PDB file of N, CA and C in Angstrom:
ATOM      1  N   MET A   1      -0.477 -14.370 -12.423  1.00  0.00           N
ATOM      2  CA  MET A   1      -0.259 -13.065 -12.349  1.00  0.00           C
ATOM      3  C   MET A   1      -1.131 -13.144 -11.079  1.00  0.00           C
ATOM      4  N   SER A   2      -1.125 -12.237  -9.984  1.00  0.00           N
ATOM      5  CA  SER A   2      -2.014 -12.129  -9.031  1.00  0.00           C
ATOM      6  C   SER A   2      -3.060 -11.454  -9.535  1.00  0.00           C
ATOM      7  N   THR A   3      -4.222 -11.335  -8.790  1.00  0.00           N
ATOM      8  CA  THR A   3      -5.672 -10.555  -8.376  1.00  0.00           C
ATOM      9  C   THR A   3      -5.626  -9.352  -7.504  1.00  0.00           C
ATOM     10  N   LEU A   4      -6.106  -8.948  -7.630  1.00  0.00           N
ATOM     11  CA  LEU A   4      -6.272  -7.751  -6.821  1.00  0.00           C
ATOM     12  C   LEU A   4      -6.537  -7.657  -5.313  1.00  0.00           C
ATOM     13  N   ASP A   5      -7.066  -8.520  -5.343  1.00  0.00           N
ATOM     14  CA  ASP A   5      -7.213  -9.413  -3.690  1.00  0.00           C
ATOM     15  C   ASP A   5      -6.044  -9.968  -3.153  1.00  0.00           C
ATOM     16  N   GLN A   6      -5.327 -10.307  -3.843  1.00  0.00           N
ATOM     17  CA  GLN A   6      -4.029 -10.874  -3.861  1.00  0.00           C
ATOM     18  C   GLN A   6      -2.971  -9.928  -3.309  1.00  0.00           C
ATOM     19  N   THR A   7      -3.238  -9.051  -4.630  1.00  0.00           N
ATOM     20  CA  THR A   7      -2.357  -7.975  -4.110  1.00  0.00           C
ATOM     21  C   THR A   7      -2.752  -6.596  -3.275  1.00  0.00           C
ATOM     22  N   THR A   8      -3.680  -6.985  -3.035  1.00  0.00           N
ATOM     23  CA  THR A   8      -4.716  -5.973  -1.685  1.00  0.00           C
ATOM     24  C   THR A   8      -4.084  -6.842  -0.610  1.00  0.00           C
ATOM     25  N   ASP A   9      -4.251  -8.037  -0.223  1.00  0.00           N
ATOM     26  CA  ASP A   9      -3.464  -8.330   1.041  1.00  0.00           C
ATOM     27  C   ASP A   9      -2.081  -8.356   1.119  1.00  0.00           C
ATOM     28  N   GLU A  10      -1.289  -8.833   0.054  1.00  0.00           N
ATOM     29  CA  GLU A  10       0.388  -8.602   0.323  1.00  0.00           C
ATOM     30  C   GLU A  10       0.469  -6.902   0.856  1.00  0.00           C
ATOM     31  N   ILE A  11      -0.373  -6.344   0.271  1.00  0.00           N
ATOM     32  CA  ILE A  11       0.253  -4.893   0.809  1.00  0.00           C
ATOM     33  C   ILE A  11      -0.130  -4.660   2.216  1.00  0.00           C
ATOM     34  N   LEU A  12      -1.289  -5.161   3.176  1.00  0.00           N
ATOM     35  CA  LEU A  12      -1.738  -5.143   4.261  1.00  0.00           C
ATOM     36  C   LEU A  12      -0.835  -5.781   4.949  1.00  0.00           C
ATOM     37  N   LYS A  13      -0.037  -6.796   4.568  1.00  0.00           N
ATOM     38  CA  LYS A  13       0.576  -7.892   5.337  1.00  0.00           C
ATOM     39  C   LYS A  13       1.833  -7.078   5.223  1.00  0.00           C
ATOM     40  N   LEU A  14       2.445  -5.927   4.119  1.00  0.00           N
ATOM     41  CA  LEU A  14       3.852  -5.584   4.100  1.00  0.00           C
ATOM     42  C   LEU A  14       3.875  -4.442   5.030  1.00  0.00           C
ATOM     43  N   ALA A  15       2.712  -3.782   4.908  1.00  0.00           N
ATOM     44  CA  ALA A  15       2.470  -2.347   6.180  1.00  0.00           C
ATOM     45  C   ALA A  15       2.069  -2.929   7.513  1.00  0.00           C
ATOM     46  N   ALA A  16       1.614  -4.018   7.816  1.00  0.00           N
ATOM     47  CA  ALA A  16       1.731  -4.197   8.896  1.00  0.00           C
ATOM     48  C   ALA A  16       2.721  -4.502   9.737  1.00  0.00           C
ATOM     49  N   ALA A  17       3.356  -5.303   8.761  1.00  0.00           N
ATOM     50  CA  ALA A  17       4.777  -5.261   9.276  1.00  0.00           C
ATOM     51  C   ALA A  17       5.714  -4.441   9.278  1.00  0.00           C
ATOM     52  N   HIS A  18       5.897  -3.427   8.372  1.00  0.00           N
ATOM     53  CA  HIS A  18       6.790  -2.439   7.926  1.00  0.00           C
ATOM     54  C   HIS A  18       6.519  -1.454   9.535  1.00  0.00           C
ATOM     55  N   PHE A  19       4.749  -1.079   9.726  1.00  0.00           N
ATOM     56  CA  PHE A  19       4.808  -0.606  11.105  1.00  0.00           C
ATOM     57  C   PHE A  19       4.086  -0.886  11.853  1.00  0.00           C
ATOM     58  N   LYS A  20       4.501  -2.045  11.855  1.00  0.00           N
ATOM     59  CA  LYS A  20       4.356  -3.272  13.357  1.00  0.00           C
ATOM     60  C   LYS A  20       2.820  -3.036  14.119  1.00  0.00           C
ATOM     61  N   VAL A  21       1.748  -3.386  13.164  1.00  0.00           N
ATOM     62  CA  VAL A  21       0.307  -3.166  13.831  1.00  0.00           C
ATOM     63  C   VAL A  21       0.062  -4.464  13.481  1.00  0.00           C
ATOM     64  N   ALA A  22      -1.083  -4.852  14.129  1.00  0.00           N
ATOM     65  CA  ALA A  22      -1.854  -6.334  13.733  1.00  0.00           C
ATOM     66  C   ALA A  22      -2.400  -6.427  12.107  1.00  0.00           C
ATOM     67  N   ARG A  23      -2.237  -7.415  11.500  1.00  0.00           N
ATOM     68  CA  ARG A  23      -2.684  -7.555  10.154  1.00  0.00           C
ATOM     69  C   ARG A  23      -4.237  -7.474   9.906  1.00  0.00           C
ATOM     70  N   GLU A  24      -5.000  -7.746  11.367  1.00  0.00           N
ATOM     71  CA  GLU A  24      -6.126  -8.130  11.495  1.00  0.00           C
ATOM     72  C   GLU A  24      -6.508  -6.668  11.492  1.00  0.00           C
ATOM     73  N   LYS A  25      -6.042  -5.691  12.104  1.00  0.00           N
ATOM     74  CA  LYS A  25      -6.681  -4.355  12.253  1.00  0.00           C
ATOM     75  C   LYS A  25      -6.180  -3.748  11.172  1.00  0.00           C
ATOM     76  N   LEU A  26      -6.283  -3.925  10.054  1.00  0.00           N
ATOM     77  CA  LEU A  26      -6.129  -2.871   8.432  1.00  0.00           C
ATOM     78  C   LEU A  26      -7.159  -4.235   7.714  1.00  0.00           C
ATOM     79  N   SER A  27      -7.995  -3.243   6.930  1.00  0.00           N
ATOM     80  CA  SER A  27      -8.432  -3.309   5.861  1.00  0.00           C
ATOM     81  C   SER A  27      -8.141  -2.801   4.789  1.00  0.00           C
ATOM     82  N   PRO A  28      -8.682  -3.105   3.189  1.00  0.00           N
ATOM     83  CA  PRO A  28      -8.793  -2.784   2.336  1.00  0.00           C
ATOM     84  C   PRO A  28      -8.737  -1.134   1.967  1.00  0.00           C
ATOM     85  N   ASP A  29     -10.366  -1.162   2.641  1.00  0.00           N
ATOM     86  CA  ASP A  29     -10.633   0.617   2.206  1.00  0.00           C
ATOM     87  C   ASP A  29     -10.256   1.642   3.541  1.00  0.00           C
ATOM     88  N   ASP A  30      -9.360   0.826   4.043  1.00  0.00           N
ATOM     89  CA  ASP A  30      -8.948   2.057   5.780  1.00  0.00           C
ATOM     90  C   ASP A  30      -7.977   3.186   4.809  1.00  0.00           C
ATOM     91  N   ASP A  31      -8.043   4.213   5.018  1.00  0.00           N
ATOM     92  CA  ASP A  31      -7.108   5.331   5.270  1.00  0.00           C
ATOM     93  C   ASP A  31      -5.608   5.126   5.983  1.00  0.00           C
ATOM     94  N   PHE A  32      -4.654   4.744   5.122  1.00  0.00           N
ATOM     95  CA  PHE A  32      -3.462   4.381   5.743  1.00  0.00           C
ATOM     96  C   PHE A  32      -2.853   5.388   6.423  1.00  0.00           C
ATOM     97  N   PHE A  33      -2.976   6.283   6.111  1.00  0.00           N
ATOM     98  CA  PHE A  33      -2.882   7.915   6.703  1.00  0.00           C
ATOM     99  C   PHE A  33      -3.051   8.143   8.088  1.00  0.00           C
ATOM    100  N   GLU A  34      -4.409   7.287   7.871  1.00  0.00           N
ATOM    101  CA  GLU A  34      -5.195   7.592   9.571  1.00  0.00           C
ATOM    102  C   GLU A  34      -5.261   6.362  10.280  1.00  0.00           C
ATOM    103  N   LYS A  35      -5.171   5.033   9.284  1.00  0.00           N
ATOM    104  CA  LYS A  35      -4.607   3.870  10.180  1.00  0.00           C
ATOM    105  C   LYS A  35      -3.932   4.014  10.718  1.00  0.00           C
ATOM    106  N   LEU A  36      -2.792   3.879  10.076  1.00  0.00           N
ATOM    107  CA  LEU A  36      -1.321   3.730  10.625  1.00  0.00           C
ATOM    108  C   LEU A  36      -0.741   4.562  11.318  1.00  0.00           C
ATOM    109  N   LYS A  37      -1.664   5.820  11.405  1.00  0.00           N
ATOM    110  CA  LYS A  37      -0.730   7.146  11.823  1.00  0.00           C
ATOM    111  C   LYS A  37       0.252   7.438  11.552  1.00  0.00           C
ATOM    112  N   ILE A  38       0.401   7.662  10.166  1.00  0.00           N
ATOM    113  CA  ILE A  38       1.864   8.204   9.569  1.00  0.00           C
ATOM    114  C   ILE A  38       1.794   9.404   8.955  1.00  0.00           C
ATOM    115  N   ASP A  39       2.985   9.788   8.528  1.00  0.00           N
ATOM    116  CA  ASP A  39       2.968  11.098   7.488  1.00  0.00           C
ATOM    117  C   ASP A  39       3.189  10.939   6.392  1.00  0.00           C
ATOM    118  N   SER A  40       3.577  11.821   5.589  1.00  0.00           N
ATOM    119  CA  SER A  40       3.785  11.725   4.323  1.00  0.00           C
ATOM    120  C   SER A  40       5.036  11.192   3.882  1.00  0.00           C
ATOM    121  N   LEU A  41       6.263  11.266   4.583  1.00  0.00           N
ATOM    122  CA  LEU A  41       7.641  10.679   4.636  1.00  0.00           C
ATOM    123  C   LEU A  41       7.366   9.180   5.125  1.00  0.00           C
ATOM    124  N   GLN A  42       6.414   8.845   6.181  1.00  0.00           N
ATOM    125  CA  GLN A  42       6.442   7.425   6.126  1.00  0.00           C
ATOM    126  C   GLN A  42       5.563   6.734   5.211  1.00  0.00           C
ATOM    127  N   ALA A  43       4.508   7.482   4.476  1.00  0.00           N
ATOM    128  CA  ALA A  43       4.138   6.824   3.305  1.00  0.00           C
ATOM    129  C   ALA A  43       5.234   6.826   2.059  1.00  0.00           C
ATOM    130  N   LEU A  44       6.182   7.153   1.831  1.00  0.00           N
ATOM    131  CA  LEU A  44       6.970   7.499   0.729  1.00  0.00           C
ATOM    132  C   LEU A  44       7.576   6.278   1.137  1.00  0.00           C
ATOM    133  N   GLU A  45       8.261   5.795   2.619  1.00  0.00           N
ATOM    134  CA  GLU A  45       8.763   4.548   2.862  1.00  0.00           C
ATOM    135  C   GLU A  45       8.149   3.304   2.250  1.00  0.00           C
ATOM    136  N   LEU A  46       6.780   3.436   3.039  1.00  0.00           N
ATOM    137  CA  LEU A  46       6.325   2.487   2.508  1.00  0.00           C
ATOM    138  C   LEU A  46       5.960   2.086   0.939  1.00  0.00           C
ATOM    139  N   LEU A  47       5.721   2.868   0.206  1.00  0.00           N
ATOM    140  CA  LEU A  47       5.400   3.327  -1.196  1.00  0.00           C
ATOM    141  C   LEU A  47       6.895   2.341  -1.883  1.00  0.00           C
ATOM    142  N   THR A  48       8.121   2.718  -1.622  1.00  0.00           N
ATOM    143  CA  THR A  48       9.216   2.321  -1.863  1.00  0.00           C
ATOM    144  C   THR A  48       9.713   0.997  -1.400  1.00  0.00           C
ATOM    145  N   ARG A  49       8.856   0.825  -0.851  1.00  0.00           N
ATOM    146  CA  ARG A  49       8.957  -0.559  -0.023  1.00  0.00           C
ATOM    147  C   ARG A  49       8.393  -1.641  -0.914  1.00  0.00           C
ATOM    148  N   LEU A  50       6.543  -0.788  -1.057  1.00  0.00           N
ATOM    149  CA  LEU A  50       5.957  -1.815  -2.456  1.00  0.00           C
ATOM    150  C   LEU A  50       6.525  -2.045  -3.773  1.00  0.00           C
ATOM    151  N   GLU A  51       7.347  -1.133  -4.010  1.00  0.00           N
ATOM    152  CA  GLU A  51       7.701  -0.980  -5.331  1.00  0.00           C
ATOM    153  C   GLU A  51       8.885  -1.716  -5.484  1.00  0.00           C
ATOM    154  N   ASN A  52       9.515  -2.100  -4.332  1.00  0.00           N
ATOM    155  CA  ASN A  52      10.946  -2.926  -4.306  1.00  0.00           C
ATOM    156  C   ASN A  52      10.071  -4.158  -4.484  1.00  0.00           C
ATOM    157  N   HIS A  53       8.744  -4.837  -3.528  1.00  0.00           N
ATOM    158  CA  HIS A  53       8.322  -5.803  -3.653  1.00  0.00           C
ATOM    159  C   HIS A  53       7.895  -6.302  -4.738  1.00  0.00           C
ATOM    160  N   PHE A  54       6.773  -5.461  -5.501  1.00  0.00           N
ATOM    161  CA  PHE A  54       6.091  -5.604  -6.569  1.00  0.00           C
ATOM    162  C   PHE A  54       7.036  -5.674  -7.925  1.00  0.00           C
ATOM    163  N   ARG A  55       8.682  -5.156  -7.720  1.00  0.00           N
ATOM    164  CA  ARG A  55       9.203  -4.532  -9.142  1.00  0.00           C
ATOM    165  C   ARG A  55       8.293  -3.983 -10.119  1.00  0.00           C
ATOM    166  N   VAL A  56       7.838  -2.712  -9.270  1.00  0.00           N
ATOM    167  CA  VAL A  56       6.856  -1.996 -10.231  1.00  0.00           C
ATOM    168  C   VAL A  56       7.461  -0.355  -9.733  1.00  0.00           C
ATOM    169  N   GLU A  57       7.291   0.474 -10.642  1.00  0.00           N
ATOM    170  CA  GLU A  57       7.655   1.603 -10.337  1.00  0.00           C
ATOM    171  C   GLU A  57       6.062   2.784 -10.267  1.00  0.00           C
ATOM    172  N   LEU A  58       5.846   3.545  -9.106  1.00  0.00           N
ATOM    173  CA  LEU A  58       4.942   4.441  -9.169  1.00  0.00           C
ATOM    174  C   LEU A  58       4.881   5.623  -9.008  1.00  0.00           C
ATOM    175  N   PRO A  59       5.212   6.132 -10.329  1.00  0.00           N
ATOM    176  CA  PRO A  59       4.731   7.741 -10.615  1.00  0.00           C
ATOM    177  C   PRO A  59       4.368   8.645  -9.551  1.00  0.00           C
ATOM    178  N   ASP A  60       4.599   9.788  -9.274  1.00  0.00           N
ATOM    179  CA  ASP A  60       4.215  10.514  -8.189  1.00  0.00           C
ATOM    180  C   ASP A  60       2.884  10.791  -8.474  1.00  0.00           C
ATOM    181  N   TYR A  61       2.466  11.370  -9.701  1.00  0.00           N
ATOM    182  CA  TYR A  61       1.179  12.121 -10.084  1.00  0.00           C
ATOM    183  C   TYR A  61       0.329  11.052 -10.345  1.00  0.00           C
ATOM    184  N   GLU A  62       0.716   9.354 -10.329  1.00  0.00           N
ATOM    185  CA  GLU A  62      -0.644   8.474 -10.054  1.00  0.00           C
ATOM    186  C   GLU A  62      -0.719   8.128  -8.737  1.00  0.00           C
ATOM    187  N   MET A  63      -0.154   8.607  -7.560  1.00  0.00           N
ATOM    188  CA  MET A  63      -0.703   8.173  -6.274  1.00  0.00           C
ATOM    189  C   MET A  63      -0.899   9.718  -5.504  1.00  0.00           C
ATOM    190  N   GLN A  64      -1.216  10.355  -6.132  1.00  0.00           N
ATOM    191  CA  GLN A  64      -1.703  11.706  -5.631  1.00  0.00           C
ATOM    192  C   GLN A  64      -3.457  11.146  -5.419  1.00  0.00           C
ATOM    193  N   GLY A  65      -3.328  11.789  -4.306  1.00  0.00           N
ATOM    194  CA  GLY A  65      -5.302  11.215  -4.021  1.00  0.00           C
ATOM    195  C   GLY A  65      -5.280   9.989  -3.245  1.00  0.00           C
ATOM    196  N   VAL A  66      -4.165   9.062  -3.756  1.00  0.00           N
ATOM    197  CA  VAL A  66      -4.267   7.623  -3.022  1.00  0.00           C
ATOM    198  C   VAL A  66      -4.190   8.031  -1.200  1.00  0.00           C
ATOM    199  N   SER A  67      -5.304   7.319  -0.937  1.00  0.00           N
ATOM    200  CA  SER A  67      -5.080   7.059   0.609  1.00  0.00           C
ATOM    201  C   SER A  67      -5.387   6.139   1.339  1.00  0.00           C
ATOM    202  N   SER A  68      -6.291   4.656   0.449  1.00  0.00           N
ATOM    203  CA  SER A  68      -6.447   3.295   0.764  1.00  0.00           C
ATOM    204  C   SER A  68      -5.992   2.218   0.258  1.00  0.00           C
ATOM    205  N   PHE A  69      -5.351   1.161   1.176  1.00  0.00           N
ATOM    206  CA  PHE A  69      -4.871   0.408   0.681  1.00  0.00           C
ATOM    207  C   PHE A  69      -6.036  -0.251  -0.657  1.00  0.00           C
ATOM    208  N   ARG A  70      -6.926  -0.031  -0.680  1.00  0.00           N
ATOM    209  CA  ARG A  70      -7.340  -0.548  -1.849  1.00  0.00           C
ATOM    210  C   ARG A  70      -6.830  -0.047  -3.358  1.00  0.00           C
ATOM    211  N   ALA A  71      -7.032   1.279  -3.198  1.00  0.00           N
ATOM    212  CA  ALA A  71      -6.704   2.355  -4.358  1.00  0.00           C
ATOM    213  C   ALA A  71      -4.927   2.225  -4.398  1.00  0.00           C
ATOM    214  N   LEU A  72      -4.072   1.808  -3.322  1.00  0.00           N
ATOM    215  CA  LEU A  72      -2.823   1.760  -3.969  1.00  0.00           C
ATOM    216  C   LEU A  72      -2.312   0.464  -4.643  1.00  0.00           C
ATOM    217  N   ALA A  73      -3.780  -1.033  -4.355  1.00  0.00           N
ATOM    218  CA  ALA A  73      -3.168  -2.285  -4.821  1.00  0.00           C
ATOM    219  C   ALA A  73      -4.115  -1.766  -6.426  1.00  0.00           C
ATOM    220  N   GLU A  74      -4.803  -1.026  -6.265  1.00  0.00           N
ATOM    221  CA  GLU A  74      -5.179  -0.930  -7.853  1.00  0.00           C
ATOM    222  C   GLU A  74      -4.230  -0.361  -8.625  1.00  0.00           C
ATOM    223  N   ARG A  75      -3.218   0.748  -8.278  1.00  0.00           N
ATOM    224  CA  ARG A  75      -2.423   1.033  -8.844  1.00  0.00           C
ATOM    225  C   ARG A  75      -1.028   0.390  -8.783  1.00  0.00           C
ATOM    226  N   ILE A  76      -0.804  -0.225  -8.066  1.00  0.00           N
ATOM    227  CA  ILE A  76       0.005  -1.559  -8.432  1.00  0.00           C
ATOM    228  C   ILE A  76       0.025  -2.233  -9.211  1.00  0.00           C
ATOM    229  N   GLN A  77      -1.559  -3.113  -8.964  1.00  0.00           N
ATOM    230  CA  GLN A  77      -2.091  -4.009 -10.305  1.00  0.00           C
ATOM    231  C   GLN A  77      -2.000  -3.847 -11.734  1.00  0.00           C
ATOM    232  N   SER A  78      -1.895  -2.461 -11.375  1.00  0.00           N
ATOM    233  CA  SER A  78      -2.290  -2.241 -13.443  1.00  0.00           C
ATOM    234  C   SER A  78      -0.717  -1.902 -13.428  1.00  0.00           C
ATOM    235  N   ARG A  79       0.251  -2.179 -13.077  1.00  0.00           N
ATOM    236  CA  ARG A  79       1.969  -1.769 -13.430  1.00  0.00           C
ATOM    237  C   ARG A  79       2.432  -3.459 -13.365  1.00  0.00           C
ATOM    238  N   LEU A  80       1.572  -4.313 -12.910  1.00  0.00           N
ATOM    239  CA  LEU A  80       1.807  -5.937 -12.810  1.00  0.00           C
ATOM    240  C   LEU A  80       1.902  -6.826 -14.268  1.00  0.00           C
TER     241      LEU A  80
END
């Protein structure tokens, strides 16, 4: 089982690759909407990609208010 730090790092790598930004420019506490300059539809694409990668399902109600990579990792980690 992976740790929260490992999950966070994987999310950062996947987000960087998906949105074509340097991984070094992203940190766990960044707001992914602001840092990646994405809208809610693009966030949904990222979420779908993460669900497939980690083989988890993240209900919409659990994702409300989540905007940092670390919070996203915590939600995913709780499902692993």
